[in-house]
């Protein structure tokens, strides 16, 4: 069940981030899921460093509102870095 939640959570976070950065048509569903999950780790790391809210990392807290917000923030940062590279 946790894997399914991570896929849904990551897909939504990646999709919202790709809409914000303008990468939506080029990513596809697998890209959105990947960006969302990696973004959750990035956002969770940032949340832990600035000590604001709960991070998006860890199997025990995959669905909180703050975790989702940090996953979107992390995914936006990831997409911005990818856009700079390419």
C-alpha atoms as a PDB file:
ATOM      1  CA  UNK A   1       0.000   0.000   0.000  1.00  0.00           C
ATOM      2  CA  UNK A   2       2.852   2.402   0.777  1.00  0.00           C
ATOM      3  CA  UNK A   3       4.336   1.947  -2.688  1.00  0.00           C
ATOM      4  CA  UNK A   4       1.006   2.837  -4.270  1.00  0.00           C
ATOM      5  CA  UNK A   5       0.777   5.969  -2.088  1.00  0.00           C
ATOM      6  CA  UNK A   6       4.324   6.975  -3.069  1.00  0.00           C
ATOM      7  CA  UNK A   7       3.457   6.588  -6.764  1.00  0.00           C
ATOM      8  CA  UNK A   8       0.257   8.641  -6.452  1.00  0.00           C
ATOM      9  CA  UNK A   9       1.887  11.233  -4.185  1.00  0.00           C
ATOM     10  CA  UNK A  10       4.946  11.504  -6.454  1.00  0.00           C
ATOM     11  CA  UNK A  11       2.840  11.687  -9.601  1.00  0.00           C
ATOM     12  CA  UNK A  12       0.704  14.533  -8.267  1.00  0.00           C
ATOM     13  CA  UNK A  13       3.680  16.475  -6.899  1.00  0.00           C
ATOM     14  CA  UNK A  14       5.630  16.024 -10.137  1.00  0.00           C
ATOM     15  CA  UNK A  15       2.635  16.984 -12.255  1.00  0.00           C
ATOM     16  CA  UNK A  16       1.991  20.198 -10.289  1.00  0.00           C
ATOM     17  CA  UNK A  17       5.689  21.090 -10.412  1.00  0.00           C
ATOM     18  CA  UNK A  18       5.842  20.438 -14.154  1.00  0.00           C
ATOM     19  CA  UNK A  19       2.798  22.672 -14.696  1.00  0.00           C
ATOM     20  CA  UNK A  20       4.467  25.464 -12.720  1.00  0.00           C
ATOM     21  CA  UNK A  21       7.773  25.168 -14.594  1.00  0.00           C
ATOM     22  CA  UNK A  22       6.199  24.598 -18.030  1.00  0.00           C
ATOM     23  CA  UNK A  23       7.607  21.080 -18.535  1.00  0.00           C
ATOM     24  CA  UNK A  24       4.259  19.263 -18.477  1.00  0.00           C
ATOM     25  CA  UNK A  25       4.036  18.079 -22.106  1.00  0.00           C
ATOM     26  CA  UNK A  26       7.597  16.750 -22.181  1.00  0.00           C
ATOM     27  CA  UNK A  27       7.615  14.635 -18.988  1.00  0.00           C
ATOM     28  CA  UNK A  28       4.768  12.162 -19.239  1.00  0.00           C
ATOM     29  CA  UNK A  29       3.405  10.124 -16.354  1.00  0.00           C
ATOM     30  CA  UNK A  30       6.620   8.223 -15.570  1.00  0.00           C
ATOM     31  CA  UNK A  31       8.597  11.458 -15.621  1.00  0.00           C
ATOM     32  CA  UNK A  32       6.097  13.158 -13.317  1.00  0.00           C
ATOM     33  CA  UNK A  33       6.225  10.271 -10.845  1.00  0.00           C
ATOM     34  CA  UNK A  34      10.021  10.205 -10.888  1.00  0.00           C
ATOM     35  CA  UNK A  35      10.336  13.976 -10.506  1.00  0.00           C
ATOM     36  CA  UNK A  36       7.763  13.951  -7.703  1.00  0.00           C
ATOM     37  CA  UNK A  37       9.471  11.202  -5.717  1.00  0.00           C
ATOM     38  CA  UNK A  38      12.951  12.691  -6.131  1.00  0.00           C
ATOM     39  CA  UNK A  39      11.460  16.100  -5.363  1.00  0.00           C
ATOM     40  CA  UNK A  40       9.996  14.685  -2.135  1.00  0.00           C
ATOM     41  CA  UNK A  41      13.479  13.669  -1.036  1.00  0.00           C
ATOM     42  CA  UNK A  42      14.912  17.071  -1.983  1.00  0.00           C
ATOM     43  CA  UNK A  43      12.053  18.905  -0.284  1.00  0.00           C
ATOM     44  CA  UNK A  44      12.337  16.676   2.793  1.00  0.00           C
ATOM     45  CA  UNK A  45      16.042  17.405   3.027  1.00  0.00           C
ATOM     46  CA  UNK A  46      15.383  21.156   2.764  1.00  0.00           C
ATOM     47  CA  UNK A  47      12.596  20.955   5.367  1.00  0.00           C
ATOM     48  CA  UNK A  48      14.924  19.159   7.756  1.00  0.00           C
ATOM     49  CA  UNK A  49      17.676  21.751   7.227  1.00  0.00           C
ATOM     50  CA  UNK A  50      15.436  24.786   7.760  1.00  0.00           C
ATOM     51  CA  UNK A  51      13.328  22.931  10.374  1.00  0.00           C
ATOM     52  CA  UNK A  52      10.001  24.015   8.880  1.00  0.00           C
ATOM     53  CA  UNK A  53       7.256  21.412   8.713  1.00  0.00           C
ATOM     54  CA  UNK A  54       7.697  17.735   8.108  1.00  0.00           C
ATOM     55  CA  UNK A  55       9.754  16.548   5.194  1.00  0.00           C
ATOM     56  CA  UNK A  56       8.518  14.320   2.426  1.00  0.00           C
ATOM     57  CA  UNK A  57      10.995  11.552   3.186  1.00  0.00           C
ATOM     58  CA  UNK A  58      10.187   8.358   4.994  1.00  0.00           C
ATOM     59  CA  UNK A  59       7.618   5.602   4.708  1.00  0.00           C
ATOM     60  CA  UNK A  60       5.821   6.705   7.877  1.00  0.00           C
ATOM     61  CA  UNK A  61       4.761  10.131   6.551  1.00  0.00           C
ATOM     62  CA  UNK A  62       4.061   9.989   2.823  1.00  0.00           C
ATOM     63  CA  UNK A  63       0.725  11.802   2.689  1.00  0.00           C
ATOM     64  CA  UNK A  64       0.729  14.887   4.927  1.00  0.00           C
ATOM     65  CA  UNK A  65      -0.120  18.300   3.516  1.00  0.00           C
ATOM     66  CA  UNK A  66       3.237  19.791   4.527  1.00  0.00           C
ATOM     67  CA  UNK A  67       5.030  16.781   3.022  1.00  0.00           C
ATOM     68  CA  UNK A  68       3.148  17.318  -0.219  1.00  0.00           C
ATOM     69  CA  UNK A  69       4.050  21.013  -0.249  1.00  0.00           C
ATOM     70  CA  UNK A  70       7.730  20.194   0.295  1.00  0.00           C
ATOM     71  CA  UNK A  71       7.580  17.520  -2.417  1.00  0.00           C
ATOM     72  CA  UNK A  72       6.267  20.108  -4.893  1.00  0.00           C
ATOM     73  CA  UNK A  73       8.946  22.605  -3.823  1.00  0.00           C
ATOM     74  CA  UNK A  74      11.636  19.945  -4.218  1.00  0.00           C
ATOM     75  CA  UNK A  75      10.274  18.918  -7.620  1.00  0.00           C
ATOM     76  CA  UNK A  76      10.263  22.557  -8.782  1.00  0.00           C
ATOM     77  CA  UNK A  77      13.899  22.883  -7.688  1.00  0.00           C
ATOM     78  CA  UNK A  78      14.779  19.643  -9.490  1.00  0.00           C
ATOM     79  CA  UNK A  79      13.050  20.768 -12.697  1.00  0.00           C
ATOM     80  CA  UNK A  80      14.752  24.171 -12.510  1.00  0.00           C
ATOM     81  CA  UNK A  81      18.150  22.455 -12.276  1.00  0.00           C
ATOM     82  CA  UNK A  82      17.253  20.137 -15.169  1.00  0.00           C
ATOM     83  CA  UNK A  83      16.134  23.144 -17.250  1.00  0.00           C
ATOM     84  CA  UNK A  84      19.449  24.890 -16.533  1.00  0.00           C
ATOM     85  CA  UNK A  85      21.444  21.842 -17.625  1.00  0.00           C
ATOM     86  CA  UNK A  86      19.466  21.252 -20.816  1.00  0.00           C
END
